[in-house]
Protein backbone atom coordinates (compact mmCIF):
# COMPACT_ATOMS: atom_id res chain seq x y z
CA MET A 1 95.12 80.92 110.56
CA LYS A 2 92.52 81.93 107.97
CA THR A 3 89.52 83.89 109.26
CA GLU A 4 86.19 84.52 107.56
CA HIS A 5 83.64 87.26 108.29
CA ARG A 6 80.07 86.94 106.98
CA PHE A 7 77.58 89.78 107.22
CA VAL A 8 74.76 91.55 105.40
CA CYS A 9 75.49 95.19 104.55
CA ALA A 10 72.93 97.56 106.08
CA ASP A 11 73.15 99.88 103.06
CA CYS A 12 73.23 97.69 99.94
CA GLY A 13 71.69 94.56 101.47
CA GLU A 14 74.33 92.27 99.97
CA GLU A 15 75.65 89.30 101.89
CA VAL A 16 79.41 89.71 102.05
CA VAL A 17 82.03 87.09 102.85
CA HIS A 18 85.37 88.67 103.74
CA VAL A 19 88.30 86.25 104.06
CA ASN A 20 91.65 87.06 105.67
CA GLU A 21 94.13 84.44 104.51
CA SER A 22 96.67 85.33 107.20
CA GLY A 23 94.11 85.59 109.99
CA CYS A 24 94.75 89.26 110.62
CA GLY A 25 93.47 92.42 109.03
CA GLY A 26 90.05 93.90 108.42
CA THR A 27 86.63 92.40 108.76
CA GLY A 28 85.20 93.73 105.49
CA TYR A 29 82.80 96.08 107.26
CA ALA A 30 82.55 99.22 109.34
CA THR A 31 80.19 99.44 112.28
CA VAL A 32 77.85 102.44 112.46
CA CYS A 33 75.28 103.26 115.10
CA GLU A 34 72.01 104.71 113.78
CA ASP A 35 68.98 105.29 116.00
CA GLY A 36 70.67 103.27 118.74
CA ILE A 37 71.09 100.25 116.47
CA GLU A 38 74.52 98.96 115.52
CA LYS A 39 74.79 98.18 111.81
CA LYS A 40 77.48 96.69 109.58
CA VAL A 41 78.33 98.52 106.34
CA CYS A 42 80.56 97.02 103.64
CA TYR A 43 83.70 98.87 102.58
CA ALA A 44 82.20 99.83 99.20
CA CYS A 45 79.22 101.46 100.92
CA CYS A 46 81.63 103.25 103.28
CA ALA A 47 82.98 105.05 100.21
CA GLN A 48 79.44 106.02 99.14
CA ARG A 49 78.69 107.33 102.64
CA ASP A 50 81.94 109.34 102.67
CA ARG A 51 81.20 110.85 99.23
CA ALA A 52 77.73 111.89 100.40
CA TYR A 53 79.15 113.36 103.62
CA MET A 54 81.72 115.34 101.64
CA ALA A 55 79.05 116.73 99.30
CA ASP A 56 76.73 117.62 102.18
CA LYS A 57 79.13 118.97 104.84
CA GLY A 58 82.07 120.30 102.84
CA ARG A 59 84.45 118.89 105.48
CA ILE A 60 85.73 115.42 106.30
CA THR A 61 88.61 113.71 108.06
CA LEU A 62 90.40 111.30 105.74
CA TYR A 63 93.86 109.71 105.73
CA VAL A 64 97.07 110.58 103.90
CA SER A 65 99.94 108.24 103.15
CA SER A 66 102.57 107.88 100.50
CA SER A 67 102.31 105.09 97.99
CA PRO A 68 104.90 103.53 95.70
CA ASP A 69 102.01 102.71 93.31
CA THR A 70 101.36 106.31 92.21
CA VAL A 71 102.62 107.78 88.94
CA ILE A 72 105.24 109.68 90.94
CA PRO A 73 106.69 107.24 93.50
CA ASN A 74 105.95 108.15 97.13
CA TRP A 75 103.48 110.85 96.12
CA PRO A 76 100.76 111.29 98.76
CA VAL A 77 97.46 109.44 98.45
CA VAL A 78 94.25 110.53 100.20
CA THR A 79 91.89 107.73 101.27
CA ASN A 80 89.02 106.96 103.56
CA TRP A 81 89.46 104.46 106.42
CA PRO A 82 89.05 101.21 104.41
CA GLY A 83 90.80 102.64 101.33
CA THR A 84 87.76 102.35 99.06
CA LEU A 85 87.67 106.10 98.41
CA LYS A 86 90.92 107.37 96.91
CA PHE A 87 92.18 110.71 95.62
CA ILE A 88 95.59 111.55 94.20
CA PRO A 89 96.55 115.12 95.14
CA THR A 90 97.43 117.47 92.31
CA GLN A 91 99.63 119.52 94.65
CA ARG A 92 101.45 118.97 97.91
CA ARG A 93 103.53 121.11 100.23
CA TYR A 94 105.70 119.91 103.09
CA GLY A 95 106.51 122.27 105.92
CA LYS A 96 107.35 122.54 109.59
CA HIS A 97 104.96 122.74 112.50
CA ASN A 98 105.90 124.37 115.81
CA PHE A 99 104.45 121.53 117.92
CA ALA A 100 104.14 118.44 115.72
CA GLY A 101 107.43 118.95 113.88
CA ARG A 102 106.21 118.46 110.33
CA ARG A 103 103.17 119.29 108.27
CA ILE A 104 101.84 118.39 104.84
CA ASP A 105 99.20 120.26 102.87
CA VAL A 106 97.58 118.63 99.84
CA TRP A 107 95.07 119.77 97.23
CA PHE A 108 92.87 117.30 95.37
CA THR A 109 89.69 117.08 93.30
CA ASP A 110 86.79 114.87 94.40
CA SER A 111 84.65 112.64 92.18
CA ASN A 112 82.20 115.56 91.62
CA GLY A 113 84.96 117.85 90.31
CA GLN A 114 85.11 119.91 93.52
CA ARG A 115 88.51 121.13 94.75
CA TRP A 116 89.60 120.24 98.29
CA TRP A 117 92.45 121.14 100.62
CA GLY A 118 93.70 118.95 103.47
CA TRP A 119 96.38 119.26 106.12
CA ASN A 120 98.16 116.82 108.39
CA CYS A 121 100.64 117.33 111.21
CA GLY A 122 103.16 115.05 112.85
CA ASP A 123 103.22 111.26 112.74
CA SER A 124 99.47 110.84 112.35
CA GLN A 125 97.90 109.94 109.01
CA LEU A 126 94.76 111.95 109.76
CA LEU A 127 94.03 114.52 107.07
CA TYR A 128 91.62 117.32 107.94
CA CYS A 129 89.93 118.30 104.68
CA ARG A 130 87.59 121.03 103.52
CA ARG A 131 86.06 121.89 100.18
CA LEU A 132 87.42 125.05 98.62
CA LYS A 133 85.15 127.80 97.35
CA ALA A 134 84.72 127.90 93.59
CA ALA A 135 86.97 130.39 91.81
């Protein structure tokens, strides 16, 4: 059953219509709470917010998964929650973890040319990232 979500993005002010043909999947927006008010933010603006957070804080939690669509099949891909912010790591290292069993470390460059390192353990896709100091 097809579902449709209509909303106005709190950041860009655009009215967005997000259609799910199969009736399942995302809504087209994230919900943020600012000053006690719940607001809807479109996926494109989520990427802008994440970029700004990265530049300001130097740390962020993103997601890592492998993708058959990369130049090297099944190479890791780093994304934000809706997938509108994407980085292809230049390096990766798989290892073992004493509690979670496995670990992956990746290094990537953000859209401002800054180098980042992220690590993930176990079955989770959460990638804990931090900006590296300039060489």
